Amino acid sequence: MDTPLTGISSMATRQVLAALADHAARAGGPRVAWESVGGVDAARRVANVSSSGERFDLVCLAADALDRLLAAGHVQGPRVDLVRSAMAVAVREGAAHPDIATEAALREAVAGARSVGYSTGPSGNHLLALIERWGLKDALSARLVQAPPGVPVAQLVARGDAELGFQQMPELAGQPGITVLGTLPGAAAQITTFSAALGAGTARADAARAALALFNDDTAAAIKRGCGLEPA
């Protein structure tokens, strides 16, 4: 049996990439073994492969992070867009559900929260930008709780460390101990595209491209929607 391709991704896509890898293998394509870690850590490891000795045939990250790796020559293009993910907000199971139907209501909920959890990834950056735009940066500085790389914000919410938690929908949906209130409304919304490319040092470029083609076929589209994501 052929050795699987090695892939690294951020945590937001771990579920869908595992399902897509199963689909590709069933379709007769190459097998892919994905390792999902914090997005910042994944990008660092890809950038340091020459010194670490690690090898990645495939890399899947938020499109902007992948573009930076492409520009630096750490991955091979072209970039292949896979899925789009909406940012969502959650509370602890059994807690009151604040109104988030409009941006004004969301701002009020955030301003009144005892603590706000966010990630090191794109959703965390977006939340910090929203807080600054809303003029709440100083008021909330002591109430912001950043999850360590690779730790889901859902864990902070479930154990009461964060009254409100913000992260990509796939990282919140179905997690124990929390209730997902929904995605961010109106102009506050954020959609992140997650994309893939070949690792710069891969010796199996043809197999990696074959896997990516299967990750974007018609069956893959249904798998993505089943994971709460939209095909890119």
Protein backbone atom coordinates (compact mmCIF):
# COMPACT_ATOMS: atom_id res chain seq x y z
CA MET A 1 0.00 0.00 0.00
CA ASP A 2 1.33 3.45 -0.93
CA THR A 3 2.51 5.74 1.83
CA PRO A 4 -0.10 8.49 2.39
CA LEU A 5 0.58 12.05 1.35
CA THR A 6 1.33 14.25 4.33
CA GLY A 7 -0.75 17.36 4.89
CA ILE A 8 -0.88 20.09 7.51
CA SER A 9 -3.83 22.40 8.15
CA SER A 10 -5.36 24.75 10.68
CA MET A 11 -7.89 23.38 13.14
CA ALA A 12 -10.86 25.00 11.39
CA THR A 13 -10.72 22.51 8.52
CA ARG A 14 -9.78 19.32 10.35
CA GLN A 15 -13.24 17.71 10.08
CA VAL A 16 -13.85 18.52 6.43
CA LEU A 17 -10.31 17.56 5.36
CA ALA A 18 -10.64 14.18 7.08
CA ALA A 19 -13.92 13.60 5.23
CA LEU A 20 -12.43 14.74 1.92
CA ALA A 21 -9.43 12.45 2.42
CA ASP A 22 -11.81 9.51 2.92
CA HIS A 23 -13.68 10.48 -0.24
CA ALA A 24 -10.49 10.75 -2.28
CA ALA A 25 -9.29 7.34 -1.12
CA ARG A 26 -12.67 5.71 -1.91
CA ALA A 27 -12.54 7.30 -5.37
CA GLY A 28 -9.23 5.60 -6.05
CA GLY A 29 -7.10 8.66 -5.49
CA PRO A 30 -4.06 9.04 -3.24
CA ARG A 31 -4.49 8.78 0.50
CA VAL A 32 -3.80 11.90 2.55
CA ALA A 33 -2.89 11.94 6.25
CA TRP A 34 -3.71 15.39 7.61
CA GLU A 35 -2.30 16.91 10.79
CA SER A 36 -4.44 19.78 12.09
CA VAL A 37 -2.90 22.31 14.46
CA GLY A 38 -3.27 26.01 15.23
CA GLY A 39 -3.03 28.06 12.04
CA VAL A 40 -0.12 30.16 13.31
CA ASP A 41 1.79 27.01 14.26
CA ALA A 42 1.03 25.37 10.92
CA ALA A 43 2.33 28.36 8.96
CA ARG A 44 5.48 28.48 11.10
CA ARG A 45 6.20 24.81 10.55
CA VAL A 46 5.71 25.10 6.81
CA ALA A 47 8.07 28.08 6.71
CA ASN A 48 10.71 26.16 8.70
CA VAL A 49 10.75 22.83 6.84
CA SER A 50 14.28 23.39 5.55
CA SER A 51 15.65 23.46 9.09
CA SER A 52 13.22 21.08 10.79
CA GLY A 53 13.37 18.26 8.27
CA GLU A 54 9.57 18.00 8.12
CA ARG A 55 7.96 17.41 4.75
CA PHE A 56 4.45 18.39 3.74
CA ASP A 57 2.95 17.35 0.44
CA LEU A 58 -0.15 19.52 1.02
CA VAL A 59 -0.83 22.63 3.06
CA CYS A 60 -4.32 23.98 3.84
CA LEU A 61 -4.71 27.36 5.55
CA ALA A 62 -6.73 30.54 5.35
CA ALA A 63 -6.17 32.03 1.90
CA ASP A 64 -4.28 35.10 3.14
CA ALA A 65 -1.90 32.98 5.24
CA LEU A 66 -1.32 30.64 2.32
CA ASP A 67 -0.65 33.60 0.02
CA ARG A 68 2.13 34.75 2.34
CA LEU A 69 3.70 31.29 2.21
CA LEU A 70 3.38 31.30 -1.59
CA ALA A 71 5.07 34.70 -1.83
CA ALA A 72 7.94 33.44 0.33
CA GLY A 73 8.36 30.24 -1.72
CA HIS A 74 7.38 27.90 1.10
CA VAL A 75 4.53 26.32 -0.90
CA GLN A 76 3.93 25.76 -4.61
CA GLY A 77 1.09 27.36 -6.55
CA PRO A 78 -1.40 27.62 -7.90
CA ARG A 79 -3.53 28.14 -4.83
CA VAL A 80 -6.60 25.91 -4.82
CA ASP A 81 -9.58 27.34 -2.93
CA LEU A 82 -11.53 24.61 -1.10
CA VAL A 83 -14.15 25.99 1.29
CA ARG A 84 -15.66 29.17 2.72
CA SER A 85 -16.36 29.40 6.44
CA ALA A 86 -18.50 31.88 8.38
CA MET A 87 -17.54 33.23 11.78
CA ALA A 88 -19.95 32.44 14.62
CA VAL A 89 -20.55 33.22 18.30
CA ALA A 90 -21.37 30.84 21.16
CA VAL A 91 -22.33 30.87 24.82
CA ARG A 92 -22.07 28.25 27.52
CA GLU A 93 -24.83 25.65 27.44
CA GLY A 94 -27.73 26.83 29.60
CA ALA A 95 -26.60 30.47 29.62
CA ALA A 96 -28.78 33.35 28.48
CA HIS A 97 -28.84 34.02 24.76
CA PRO A 98 -27.99 37.65 23.98
CA ASP A 99 -29.45 39.21 20.86
CA ILE A 100 -26.98 39.16 17.94
CA ALA A 101 -29.48 39.72 15.13
CA THR A 102 -27.95 43.06 14.11
CA GLU A 103 -24.51 44.57 14.35
CA ALA A 104 -25.76 47.05 16.96
CA ALA A 105 -27.16 44.21 19.06
CA LEU A 106 -23.93 42.24 18.70
CA ARG A 107 -21.89 45.25 19.81
CA GLU A 108 -24.11 45.62 22.87
CA ALA A 109 -23.71 41.92 23.71
CA VAL A 110 -19.93 42.14 23.43
CA ALA A 111 -19.78 45.37 25.42
CA GLY A 112 -21.79 43.78 28.23
CA ALA A 113 -19.98 40.44 28.34
CA ARG A 114 -17.89 39.62 31.42
CA SER A 115 -15.33 37.89 29.16
CA VAL A 116 -14.90 37.36 25.42
CA GLY A 117 -13.00 34.41 23.97
CA TYR A 118 -11.29 34.49 20.59
CA SER A 119 -8.72 32.54 18.60
CA THR A 120 -5.25 33.18 17.21
CA GLY A 121 -6.60 32.68 13.67
CA PRO A 122 -8.51 34.84 11.16
CA SER A 123 -11.65 34.95 13.30
CA GLY A 124 -9.67 36.35 16.22
CA ASN A 125 -8.11 39.04 14.06
CA HIS A 126 -11.55 39.96 12.74
CA LEU A 127 -13.04 40.21 16.23
CA LEU A 128 -10.24 42.49 17.41
CA ALA A 129 -10.79 44.70 14.36
CA LEU A 130 -14.53 44.85 15.12
CA ILE A 131 -13.89 45.77 18.75
CA GLU A 132 -11.61 48.59 17.66
CA ARG A 133 -14.14 49.80 15.08
CA TRP A 134 -16.85 49.77 17.74
CA GLY A 135 -14.71 51.93 20.04
CA LEU A 136 -14.53 49.20 22.70
CA LYS A 137 -10.82 48.40 22.64
CA ASP A 138 -9.93 50.08 25.94
CA ALA A 139 -13.11 49.00 27.72
CA LEU A 140 -12.65 45.35 26.79
CA SER A 141 -8.88 44.97 27.01
CA ALA A 142 -9.01 43.24 30.41
CA ARG A 143 -11.94 41.01 29.41
CA LEU A 144 -10.48 39.46 26.26
CA VAL A 145 -9.36 35.84 26.55
CA GLN A 146 -7.30 34.41 23.70
CA ALA A 147 -7.32 30.64 23.30
CA PRO A 148 -3.81 29.16 23.02
CA PRO A 149 -2.88 27.91 19.52
CA GLY A 150 -4.69 24.69 18.76
CA VAL A 151 -7.19 25.08 21.64
CA PRO A 152 -10.80 25.56 20.47
CA VAL A 153 -12.57 28.64 21.79
CA ALA A 154 -15.45 26.27 22.59
CA GLN A 155 -13.37 24.89 25.47
CA LEU A 156 -13.05 28.35 26.99
CA VAL A 157 -16.80 28.87 26.73
CA ALA A 158 -17.74 25.41 28.03
CA ARG A 159 -15.68 25.77 31.20
CA GLY A 160 -16.82 29.35 31.85
CA ASP A 161 -13.58 31.15 31.01
CA ALA A 162 -15.36 33.12 28.28
CA GLU A 163 -18.98 34.27 28.42
CA LEU A 164 -19.02 34.81 24.66
CA GLY A 165 -16.82 32.89 22.23
CA PHE A 166 -16.01 33.76 18.63
CA GLN A 167 -14.52 31.38 16.06
CA GLN A 168 -15.16 29.75 12.70
CA MET A 169 -18.51 27.92 12.64
CA PRO A 170 -16.95 24.45 12.04
CA GLU A 171 -14.89 24.85 15.21
CA LEU A 172 -17.97 25.68 17.32
CA ALA A 173 -20.72 23.54 15.80
CA GLY A 174 -21.39 20.35 17.72
CA GLN A 175 -18.89 21.04 20.51
CA PRO A 176 -19.99 19.90 23.98
CA GLY A 177 -21.01 22.36 26.67
CA ILE A 178 -21.86 25.28 24.40
CA THR A 179 -24.74 26.69 22.36
CA VAL A 180 -23.99 28.36 19.03
CA LEU A 181 -26.07 31.53 18.69
CA GLY A 182 -25.39 31.93 14.98
CA THR A 183 -23.11 33.68 12.56
CA LEU A 184 -22.18 37.33 12.77
CA PRO A 185 -24.76 39.67 11.21
CA GLY A 186 -24.58 42.29 8.50
CA ALA A 187 -21.39 44.25 8.09
CA ALA A 188 -19.91 42.47 11.10
CA ALA A 189 -19.88 39.15 9.25
CA GLN A 190 -16.68 37.48 8.17
CA ILE A 191 -16.26 34.74 5.60
CA THR A 192 -12.84 33.06 5.45
CA THR A 193 -11.73 31.12 2.41
CA PHE A 194 -9.54 28.13 3.20
CA SER A 195 -7.20 27.09 0.42
CA ALA A 196 -4.59 24.46 -0.31
CA ALA A 197 -1.26 24.32 -2.11
CA LEU A 198 1.58 21.88 -2.53
CA GLY A 199 4.46 21.91 -0.09
CA ALA A 200 7.59 23.36 -1.65
CA GLY A 201 9.60 20.22 -0.93
CA THR A 202 7.09 17.59 -2.00
CA ALA A 203 8.41 14.77 -4.13
CA ARG A 204 4.87 13.67 -5.01
CA ALA A 205 3.47 16.70 -6.79
CA ASP A 206 1.34 14.73 -9.26
CA ALA A 207 -0.33 12.73 -6.49
CA ALA A 208 -0.93 15.87 -4.46
CA ARG A 209 -2.59 17.59 -7.42
CA ALA A 210 -4.75 14.51 -8.00
CA ALA A 211 -5.91 14.64 -4.39
CA LEU A 212 -6.80 18.33 -4.66
CA ALA A 213 -8.83 17.66 -7.81
CA LEU A 214 -10.90 15.11 -5.90
CA PHE A 215 -11.27 17.56 -3.01
CA ASN A 216 -13.14 19.87 -5.40
CA ASP A 217 -15.36 17.43 -7.33
CA ASP A 218 -19.16 17.21 -7.08
CA THR A 219 -19.14 14.65 -4.27
CA ALA A 220 -16.72 16.84 -2.33
CA ALA A 221 -19.14 19.77 -2.57
CA ALA A 222 -21.82 17.78 -0.74
CA ILE A 223 -19.29 16.73 1.90
CA LYS A 224 -18.31 20.34 2.50
CA ARG A 225 -21.92 21.44 3.00
CA GLY A 226 -22.43 18.54 5.38
CA CYS A 227 -19.58 19.92 7.49
CA GLY A 228 -21.22 23.35 7.68
CA LEU A 229 -19.02 24.90 4.99
CA GLU A 230 -19.61 26.20 1.49
CA PRO A 231 -17.57 25.09 -1.52
CA ALA A 232 -15.19 27.86 -2.56
